[in-house]
Amino acid sequence: MLSERTLSKIRSLGLDANGYLTVCTIVQEAIDDSRPATKQTTALALTLPADWPADYQEVFWKKYPAKKSKKEAMKAIDKVAFAGKTKWLDLIIGLDAYIISREVQRGFVKHPATWLNKECWKDESGPGEGTSGGPRGTKDGGPGFFEIAAGLD
């Protein structure tokens, strides 16, 4: 809303309605032109890396062992995809390793968004980590709690 002072100045110019509208249009264009260009952050401005499949969300969701908090998981995988720093194959190989890890085989599965946000596909597996039938020792290959406890009998 224009102030009374501004309206008074416009009236003093002796403009008719069309003249007034023309001035308003020119002023608005000048204001718009003077504003710095904003960085476009819409989904249309983002480009999916070439090695990622178009249906990457569905592929990930079907493969992930815990179907929890899908909305957050989809946001997280979009973030990973559009950052352009992770190859699809690296993510899937990491997911495959996680799926067969002892942690998952024992039923301790991270929420998919957590797994993605923490970049867990980059985690390295220790000895016996990649299979459910491997030794039950610690990550460094030494005896674990159960092996030590069994020796105390």
N, C-alpha and C. Protein backbone atom coordinates (compact mmCIF):
# COMPACT_ATOMS: atom_id res chain seq x y z
N MET A 1 0.84 -1.17 0.00
CA MET A 1 0.00 0.00 0.00
C MET A 1 0.89 1.23 0.00
N LEU A 2 0.55 2.17 -0.84
CA LEU A 2 1.33 3.39 -0.95
C LEU A 2 0.94 4.38 0.14
N SER A 3 1.95 5.12 0.58
CA SER A 3 1.67 6.13 1.61
C SER A 3 0.96 7.33 0.98
N GLU A 4 0.35 8.13 1.83
CA GLU A 4 -0.35 9.33 1.34
C GLU A 4 0.62 10.29 0.68
N ARG A 5 1.83 10.37 1.20
CA ARG A 5 2.86 11.23 0.63
C ARG A 5 3.20 10.80 -0.80
N THR A 6 3.36 9.47 -0.99
CA THR A 6 3.68 8.94 -2.32
C THR A 6 2.53 9.19 -3.28
N LEU A 7 1.31 8.96 -2.83
CA LEU A 7 0.14 9.21 -3.68
C LEU A 7 0.05 10.69 -4.07
N SER A 8 0.37 11.55 -3.15
CA SER A 8 0.34 12.99 -3.43
C SER A 8 1.36 13.35 -4.50
N LYS A 9 2.54 12.76 -4.43
CA LYS A 9 3.57 13.03 -5.44
C LYS A 9 3.11 12.54 -6.81
N ILE A 10 2.47 11.37 -6.84
CA ILE A 10 2.00 10.82 -8.12
C ILE A 10 0.91 11.73 -8.70
N ARG A 11 -0.01 12.21 -7.85
CA ARG A 11 -1.09 13.09 -8.31
C ARG A 11 -0.52 14.40 -8.87
N SER A 12 0.57 14.86 -8.27
CA SER A 12 1.16 16.13 -8.72
C SER A 12 1.77 16.03 -10.12
N LEU A 13 2.01 14.81 -10.57
CA LEU A 13 2.56 14.62 -11.92
C LEU A 13 1.49 14.81 -12.98
N GLY A 14 0.22 14.80 -12.58
CA GLY A 14 -0.87 15.01 -13.51
C GLY A 14 -1.09 13.85 -14.45
N LEU A 15 -0.80 12.63 -14.00
CA LEU A 15 -0.96 11.45 -14.84
C LEU A 15 -2.40 10.95 -14.81
N ASP A 16 -2.85 10.45 -15.94
CA ASP A 16 -4.14 9.75 -15.95
C ASP A 16 -3.89 8.31 -15.53
N ALA A 17 -4.93 7.51 -15.50
CA ALA A 17 -4.82 6.12 -15.03
C ALA A 17 -3.82 5.33 -15.86
N ASN A 18 -3.84 5.48 -17.19
CA ASN A 18 -2.90 4.73 -18.04
C ASN A 18 -1.46 5.18 -17.81
N GLY A 19 -1.28 6.47 -17.63
CA GLY A 19 0.07 6.99 -17.34
C GLY A 19 0.60 6.46 -16.02
N TYR A 20 -0.29 6.43 -15.02
CA TYR A 20 0.07 5.91 -13.71
C TYR A 20 0.48 4.44 -13.81
N LEU A 21 -0.32 3.63 -14.53
CA LEU A 21 0.00 2.21 -14.68
C LEU A 21 1.31 2.01 -15.42
N THR A 22 1.58 2.84 -16.41
CA THR A 22 2.85 2.75 -17.15
C THR A 22 4.03 3.02 -16.23
N VAL A 23 3.92 4.05 -15.41
CA VAL A 23 4.99 4.37 -14.46
C VAL A 23 5.18 3.21 -13.49
N CYS A 24 4.10 2.64 -12.99
CA CYS A 24 4.20 1.51 -12.05
C CYS A 24 4.91 0.32 -12.69
N THR A 25 4.58 0.05 -13.94
CA THR A 25 5.21 -1.06 -14.66
C THR A 25 6.71 -0.82 -14.82
N ILE A 26 7.08 0.40 -15.19
CA ILE A 26 8.50 0.73 -15.37
C ILE A 26 9.25 0.61 -14.05
N VAL A 27 8.66 1.10 -12.98
CA VAL A 27 9.30 1.03 -11.66
C VAL A 27 9.45 -0.43 -11.22
N GLN A 28 8.42 -1.25 -11.43
CA GLN A 28 8.50 -2.65 -11.03
C GLN A 28 9.58 -3.39 -11.81
N GLU A 29 9.67 -3.12 -13.11
CA GLU A 29 10.72 -3.74 -13.93
C GLU A 29 12.11 -3.33 -13.45
N ALA A 30 12.26 -2.07 -13.06
CA ALA A 30 13.55 -1.59 -12.56
C ALA A 30 13.92 -2.29 -11.25
N ILE A 31 12.91 -2.46 -10.39
CA ILE A 31 13.15 -3.16 -9.12
C ILE A 31 13.55 -4.60 -9.40
N ASP A 32 12.82 -5.29 -10.27
CA ASP A 32 13.11 -6.69 -10.60
C ASP A 32 14.50 -6.83 -11.21
N ASP A 33 14.88 -5.90 -12.09
CA ASP A 33 16.19 -5.97 -12.73
C ASP A 33 17.33 -5.72 -11.75
N SER A 34 17.06 -4.95 -10.70
CA SER A 34 18.12 -4.61 -9.75
C SER A 34 18.38 -5.71 -8.73
N ARG A 35 17.45 -6.65 -8.60
CA ARG A 35 17.62 -7.74 -7.64
C ARG A 35 18.66 -8.73 -8.16
N PRO A 36 19.54 -9.23 -7.28
CA PRO A 36 20.52 -10.22 -7.74
C PRO A 36 19.81 -11.51 -8.13
N ALA A 37 20.35 -12.16 -9.14
CA ALA A 37 19.77 -13.43 -9.59
C ALA A 37 19.92 -14.45 -8.47
N THR A 38 18.85 -15.17 -8.21
CA THR A 38 18.90 -16.20 -7.17
C THR A 38 19.31 -17.51 -7.79
N LYS A 39 20.00 -18.30 -7.02
CA LYS A 39 20.42 -19.62 -7.48
C LYS A 39 19.20 -20.51 -7.57
N GLN A 40 19.04 -21.15 -8.69
CA GLN A 40 17.88 -22.03 -8.89
C GLN A 40 18.14 -23.36 -8.19
N THR A 41 17.25 -23.73 -7.29
CA THR A 41 17.44 -24.97 -6.54
C THR A 41 16.26 -25.92 -6.69
N THR A 42 15.48 -25.73 -7.71
CA THR A 42 14.36 -26.63 -7.90
C THR A 42 14.85 -27.97 -8.43
N ALA A 43 14.00 -28.97 -8.36
CA ALA A 43 14.35 -30.30 -8.86
C ALA A 43 14.69 -30.24 -10.35
N LEU A 44 14.07 -29.30 -11.08
CA LEU A 44 14.35 -29.20 -12.50
C LEU A 44 15.77 -28.71 -12.77
N ALA A 45 16.33 -27.94 -11.82
CA ALA A 45 17.67 -27.41 -12.01
C ALA A 45 18.73 -28.46 -11.71
N LEU A 46 18.37 -29.53 -11.04
CA LEU A 46 19.32 -30.57 -10.67
C LEU A 46 19.39 -31.62 -11.76
N THR A 47 20.57 -32.16 -11.94
CA THR A 47 20.76 -33.17 -12.95
C THR A 47 21.20 -34.47 -12.30
N LEU A 48 20.54 -35.55 -12.64
CA LEU A 48 20.88 -36.87 -12.14
C LEU A 48 22.16 -37.33 -12.82
N PRO A 49 23.14 -37.81 -12.06
CA PRO A 49 24.36 -38.31 -12.70
C PRO A 49 24.05 -39.40 -13.72
N ALA A 50 24.85 -39.45 -14.77
CA ALA A 50 24.59 -40.35 -15.90
C ALA A 50 24.58 -41.82 -15.50
N ASP A 51 25.36 -42.20 -14.48
CA ASP A 51 25.43 -43.62 -14.11
C ASP A 51 24.30 -44.05 -13.16
N TRP A 52 23.46 -43.12 -12.75
CA TRP A 52 22.33 -43.46 -11.88
C TRP A 52 21.11 -43.78 -12.74
N PRO A 53 20.38 -44.86 -12.42
CA PRO A 53 19.17 -45.17 -13.20
C PRO A 53 18.05 -44.18 -12.88
N ALA A 54 17.16 -44.01 -13.82
CA ALA A 54 16.04 -43.08 -13.64
C ALA A 54 15.16 -43.50 -12.46
N ASP A 55 15.06 -44.79 -12.20
CA ASP A 55 14.21 -45.31 -11.12
C ASP A 55 15.03 -45.65 -9.86
N TYR A 56 16.09 -44.86 -9.60
CA TYR A 56 17.00 -45.16 -8.49
C TYR A 56 16.28 -45.24 -7.15
N GLN A 57 15.26 -44.42 -6.93
CA GLN A 57 14.54 -44.46 -5.65
C GLN A 57 13.87 -45.81 -5.45
N GLU A 58 13.17 -46.29 -6.47
CA GLU A 58 12.46 -47.56 -6.37
C GLU A 58 13.44 -48.73 -6.21
N VAL A 59 14.53 -48.68 -6.96
CA VAL A 59 15.54 -49.75 -6.87
C VAL A 59 16.10 -49.82 -5.46
N PHE A 60 16.48 -48.66 -4.91
CA PHE A 60 17.03 -48.63 -3.56
C PHE A 60 16.01 -49.13 -2.54
N TRP A 61 14.77 -48.64 -2.64
CA TRP A 61 13.75 -49.00 -1.66
C TRP A 61 13.46 -50.50 -1.68
N LYS A 62 13.38 -51.09 -2.87
CA LYS A 62 13.13 -52.53 -2.97
C LYS A 62 14.26 -53.34 -2.36
N LYS A 63 15.48 -52.86 -2.51
CA LYS A 63 16.67 -53.59 -2.08
C LYS A 63 16.95 -53.44 -0.57
N TYR A 64 16.61 -52.28 -0.01
CA TYR A 64 16.98 -52.01 1.38
C TYR A 64 16.20 -52.93 2.33
N PRO A 65 16.87 -53.52 3.31
CA PRO A 65 16.21 -54.53 4.16
C PRO A 65 15.20 -53.99 5.18
N ALA A 66 15.18 -52.72 5.46
CA ALA A 66 14.22 -52.16 6.43
C ALA A 66 13.38 -51.10 5.75
N LYS A 67 12.11 -51.36 5.64
CA LYS A 67 11.19 -50.42 4.97
C LYS A 67 10.61 -49.48 6.02
N LYS A 68 11.41 -48.49 6.43
CA LYS A 68 11.00 -47.55 7.47
C LYS A 68 11.25 -46.13 6.99
N SER A 69 10.33 -45.23 7.33
CA SER A 69 10.48 -43.80 7.05
C SER A 69 10.84 -43.53 5.60
N LYS A 70 9.96 -43.97 4.71
CA LYS A 70 10.23 -43.86 3.27
C LYS A 70 10.45 -42.41 2.83
N LYS A 71 9.65 -41.50 3.34
CA LYS A 71 9.77 -40.09 2.93
C LYS A 71 11.17 -39.57 3.22
N GLU A 72 11.68 -39.83 4.41
CA GLU A 72 13.02 -39.39 4.77
C GLU A 72 14.08 -40.11 3.95
N ALA A 73 13.85 -41.38 3.67
CA ALA A 73 14.80 -42.15 2.87
C ALA A 73 14.89 -41.59 1.45
N MET A 74 13.75 -41.22 0.88
CA MET A 74 13.75 -40.68 -0.48
C MET A 74 14.44 -39.32 -0.53
N LYS A 75 14.27 -38.51 0.50
CA LYS A 75 14.98 -37.23 0.57
C LYS A 75 16.49 -37.49 0.66
N ALA A 76 16.86 -38.46 1.46
CA ALA A 76 18.28 -38.75 1.65
C ALA A 76 18.92 -39.29 0.37
N ILE A 77 18.22 -40.17 -0.33
CA ILE A 77 18.82 -40.71 -1.56
C ILE A 77 18.87 -39.64 -2.65
N ASP A 78 17.90 -38.75 -2.67
CA ASP A 78 17.96 -37.62 -3.61
C ASP A 78 19.19 -36.76 -3.33
N LYS A 79 19.43 -36.52 -2.06
CA LYS A 79 20.58 -35.71 -1.65
C LYS A 79 21.88 -36.35 -2.12
N VAL A 80 21.99 -37.65 -1.96
CA VAL A 80 23.18 -38.38 -2.40
C VAL A 80 23.29 -38.33 -3.93
N ALA A 81 22.19 -38.60 -4.60
CA ALA A 81 22.20 -38.65 -6.07
C ALA A 81 22.60 -37.31 -6.67
N PHE A 82 21.94 -36.25 -6.24
CA PHE A 82 22.14 -34.95 -6.87
C PHE A 82 23.40 -34.24 -6.40
N ALA A 83 24.03 -34.74 -5.36
CA ALA A 83 25.33 -34.19 -4.97
C ALA A 83 26.37 -34.51 -6.04
N GLY A 84 26.14 -35.63 -6.76
CA GLY A 84 27.02 -35.99 -7.86
C GLY A 84 28.38 -36.53 -7.46
N LYS A 85 28.54 -36.91 -6.20
CA LYS A 85 29.84 -37.38 -5.71
C LYS A 85 29.92 -38.90 -5.57
N THR A 86 28.77 -39.57 -5.68
CA THR A 86 28.72 -41.01 -5.45
C THR A 86 28.28 -41.72 -6.72
N LYS A 87 29.04 -42.73 -7.09
CA LYS A 87 28.65 -43.56 -8.23
C LYS A 87 27.58 -44.53 -7.78
N TRP A 88 26.62 -44.77 -8.65
CA TRP A 88 25.52 -45.69 -8.34
C TRP A 88 26.06 -47.06 -7.97
N LEU A 89 27.01 -47.56 -8.74
CA LEU A 89 27.55 -48.89 -8.49
C LEU A 89 28.21 -48.96 -7.11
N ASP A 90 28.92 -47.92 -6.70
CA ASP A 90 29.54 -47.90 -5.37
C ASP A 90 28.47 -47.98 -4.28
N LEU A 91 27.39 -47.25 -4.45
CA LEU A 91 26.31 -47.28 -3.46
C LEU A 91 25.69 -48.67 -3.38
N ILE A 92 25.42 -49.28 -4.52
CA ILE A 92 24.78 -50.60 -4.54
C ILE A 92 25.71 -51.68 -4.01
N ILE A 93 26.98 -51.62 -4.35
CA ILE A 93 27.94 -52.60 -3.81
C ILE A 93 28.02 -52.46 -2.29
N GLY A 94 28.04 -51.21 -1.81
CA GLY A 94 28.05 -50.98 -0.37
C GLY A 94 26.78 -51.49 0.29
N LEU A 95 25.65 -51.30 -0.38
CA LEU A 95 24.37 -51.80 0.16
C LEU A 95 24.35 -53.32 0.20
N ASP A 96 24.84 -53.95 -0.86
CA ASP A 96 24.90 -55.43 -0.87
C ASP A 96 25.76 -55.95 0.28
N ALA A 97 26.91 -55.29 0.51
CA ALA A 97 27.78 -55.71 1.61
C ALA A 97 27.08 -55.52 2.96
N TYR A 98 26.34 -54.42 3.08
CA TYR A 98 25.62 -54.17 4.33
C TYR A 98 24.53 -55.21 4.56
N ILE A 99 23.82 -55.56 3.52
CA ILE A 99 22.73 -56.53 3.63
C ILE A 99 23.22 -57.87 4.15
N ILE A 100 24.42 -58.29 3.74
CA ILE A 100 24.93 -59.59 4.19
C ILE A 100 25.83 -59.47 5.41
N SER A 101 25.95 -58.27 5.98
CA SER A 101 26.80 -58.09 7.16
C SER A 101 26.19 -58.80 8.37
N ARG A 102 27.04 -59.09 9.33
CA ARG A 102 26.57 -59.73 10.56
C ARG A 102 25.57 -58.84 11.30
N GLU A 103 25.79 -57.54 11.24
CA GLU A 103 24.89 -56.59 11.91
C GLU A 103 23.45 -56.77 11.42
N VAL A 104 23.30 -56.81 10.11
CA VAL A 104 21.96 -56.97 9.52
C VAL A 104 21.44 -58.38 9.75
N GLN A 105 22.30 -59.38 9.62
CA GLN A 105 21.89 -60.76 9.82
C GLN A 105 21.40 -61.00 11.25
N ARG A 106 21.92 -60.23 12.18
CA ARG A 106 21.47 -60.34 13.58
C ARG A 106 20.21 -59.52 13.83
N GLY A 107 19.75 -58.78 12.83
CA GLY A 107 18.51 -58.03 12.96
C GLY A 107 18.67 -56.57 13.31
N PHE A 108 19.91 -56.07 13.36
CA PHE A 108 20.15 -54.66 13.66
C PHE A 108 20.33 -53.91 12.35
N VAL A 109 19.22 -53.38 11.83
CA VAL A 109 19.24 -52.69 10.54
C VAL A 109 18.99 -51.21 10.77
N LYS A 110 19.89 -50.39 10.26
CA LYS A 110 19.71 -48.94 10.37
C LYS A 110 18.54 -48.49 9.51
N HIS A 111 17.92 -47.40 9.90
CA HIS A 111 16.90 -46.80 9.04
C HIS A 111 17.59 -46.41 7.74
N PRO A 112 16.91 -46.54 6.61
CA PRO A 112 17.55 -46.24 5.34
C PRO A 112 18.08 -44.81 5.25
N ALA A 113 17.35 -43.84 5.79
CA ALA A 113 17.83 -42.45 5.74
C ALA A 113 19.11 -42.30 6.55
N THR A 114 19.19 -42.96 7.68
CA THR A 114 20.40 -42.93 8.50
C THR A 114 21.56 -43.53 7.73
N TRP A 115 21.33 -44.68 7.11
CA TRP A 115 22.38 -45.36 6.34
C TRP A 115 22.90 -44.44 5.23
N LEU A 116 21.99 -43.76 4.56
CA LEU A 116 22.38 -42.86 3.47
C LEU A 116 23.06 -41.60 3.99
N ASN A 117 22.47 -40.96 5.00
CA ASN A 117 23.02 -39.70 5.51
C ASN A 117 24.41 -39.87 6.11
N LYS A 118 24.68 -41.05 6.68
CA LYS A 118 26.00 -41.31 7.27
C LYS A 118 26.98 -41.91 6.26
N GLU A 119 26.54 -42.00 4.99
CA GLU A 119 27.38 -42.55 3.91
C GLU A 119 27.94 -43.92 4.27
N CYS A 120 27.07 -44.78 4.79
CA CYS A 120 27.50 -46.10 5.25
C CYS A 120 27.95 -47.02 4.12
N TRP A 121 27.63 -46.70 2.87
CA TRP A 121 28.11 -47.52 1.76
C TRP A 121 29.63 -47.44 1.65
N LYS A 122 30.23 -46.45 2.31
CA LYS A 122 31.69 -46.29 2.29
C LYS A 122 32.37 -47.09 3.39
N ASP A 123 31.57 -47.64 4.32
CA ASP A 123 32.16 -48.40 5.43
C ASP A 123 32.91 -49.62 4.91
N GLU A 124 34.01 -49.91 5.57
CA GLU A 124 34.77 -51.10 5.20
C GLU A 124 34.37 -52.23 6.13
N SER A 125 34.29 -53.43 5.58
CA SER A 125 33.95 -54.60 6.38
C SER A 125 35.22 -55.20 6.95
N GLY A 126 35.12 -55.62 8.19
CA GLY A 126 36.23 -56.32 8.80
C GLY A 126 36.16 -57.80 8.48
N PRO A 127 37.11 -58.62 8.97
CA PRO A 127 37.07 -60.06 8.71
C PRO A 127 35.76 -60.66 9.18
N GLY A 128 35.13 -61.40 8.33
CA GLY A 128 33.89 -62.07 8.67
C GLY A 128 32.67 -61.16 8.65
N GLU A 129 32.85 -59.91 8.34
CA GLU A 129 31.72 -58.96 8.33
C GLU A 129 30.81 -59.18 7.14
N GLY A 130 31.35 -59.60 6.02
CA GLY A 130 30.57 -59.70 4.79
C GLY A 130 29.66 -60.90 4.72
N THR A 131 29.82 -61.88 5.58
CA THR A 131 28.99 -63.07 5.50
C THR A 131 28.43 -63.39 6.87
N SER A 132 27.30 -64.07 6.87
CA SER A 132 26.69 -64.41 8.15
C SER A 132 27.33 -65.66 8.75
N GLY A 133 28.10 -66.40 7.98
CA GLY A 133 28.67 -67.63 8.50
C GLY A 133 30.12 -67.51 8.87
N GLY A 134 30.66 -66.29 8.89
CA GLY A 134 32.08 -66.08 9.17
C GLY A 134 32.38 -66.21 10.64
N PRO A 135 33.65 -66.00 11.00
CA PRO A 135 34.05 -66.09 12.40
C PRO A 135 33.35 -65.04 13.24
N ARG A 136 33.15 -65.34 14.50
CA ARG A 136 32.43 -64.44 15.39
C ARG A 136 33.37 -63.56 16.18
N GLY A 137 34.53 -63.30 15.68
CA GLY A 137 35.51 -62.47 16.38
C GLY A 137 35.21 -60.99 16.23
N THR A 138 36.17 -60.18 16.66
CA THR A 138 36.00 -58.74 16.55
C THR A 138 36.42 -58.28 15.17
N LYS A 139 36.26 -56.99 14.89
CA LYS A 139 36.60 -56.46 13.58
C LYS A 139 38.08 -56.67 13.24
N ASP A 140 38.95 -56.63 14.26
CA ASP A 140 40.38 -56.80 13.98
C ASP A 140 40.79 -58.27 13.89
N GLY A 141 39.83 -59.16 13.95
CA GLY A 141 40.12 -60.59 13.79
C GLY A 141 40.36 -61.33 15.09
N GLY A 142 40.44 -60.59 16.20
CA GLY A 142 40.66 -61.23 17.49
C GLY A 142 39.41 -61.89 18.01
N PRO A 143 39.51 -62.62 19.12
CA PRO A 143 38.33 -63.29 19.66
C PRO A 143 37.31 -62.28 20.17
N GLY A 144 36.07 -62.59 20.01
CA GLY A 144 35.00 -61.74 20.49
C GLY A 144 34.55 -62.15 21.88
N PHE A 145 33.57 -61.48 22.40
CA PHE A 145 33.06 -61.73 23.74
C PHE A 145 32.63 -63.17 23.92
N PHE A 146 31.90 -63.71 22.93
CA PHE A 146 31.38 -65.06 23.07
C PHE A 146 32.48 -66.11 23.08
N GLU A 147 33.54 -65.89 22.30
CA GLU A 147 34.65 -66.83 22.30
C GLU A 147 35.40 -66.81 23.63
N ILE A 148 35.57 -65.59 24.19
CA ILE A 148 36.25 -65.47 25.47
C ILE A 148 35.40 -66.09 26.56
N ALA A 149 34.10 -65.80 26.56
CA ALA A 149 33.19 -66.34 27.57
C ALA A 149 33.14 -67.87 27.50
N ALA A 150 33.19 -68.41 26.29
CA ALA A 150 33.13 -69.86 26.15
C ALA A 150 34.37 -70.52 26.75
N GLY A 151 35.51 -69.83 26.72
CA GLY A 151 36.74 -70.37 27.29
C GLY A 151 36.76 -70.33 28.80
N LEU A 152 35.86 -69.64 29.44
CA LEU A 152 35.82 -69.53 30.89
C LEU A 152 35.11 -70.68 31.56
N ASP A 153 34.41 -71.52 30.81
CA ASP A 153 33.66 -72.64 31.40
C ASP A 153 34.54 -73.66 32.02
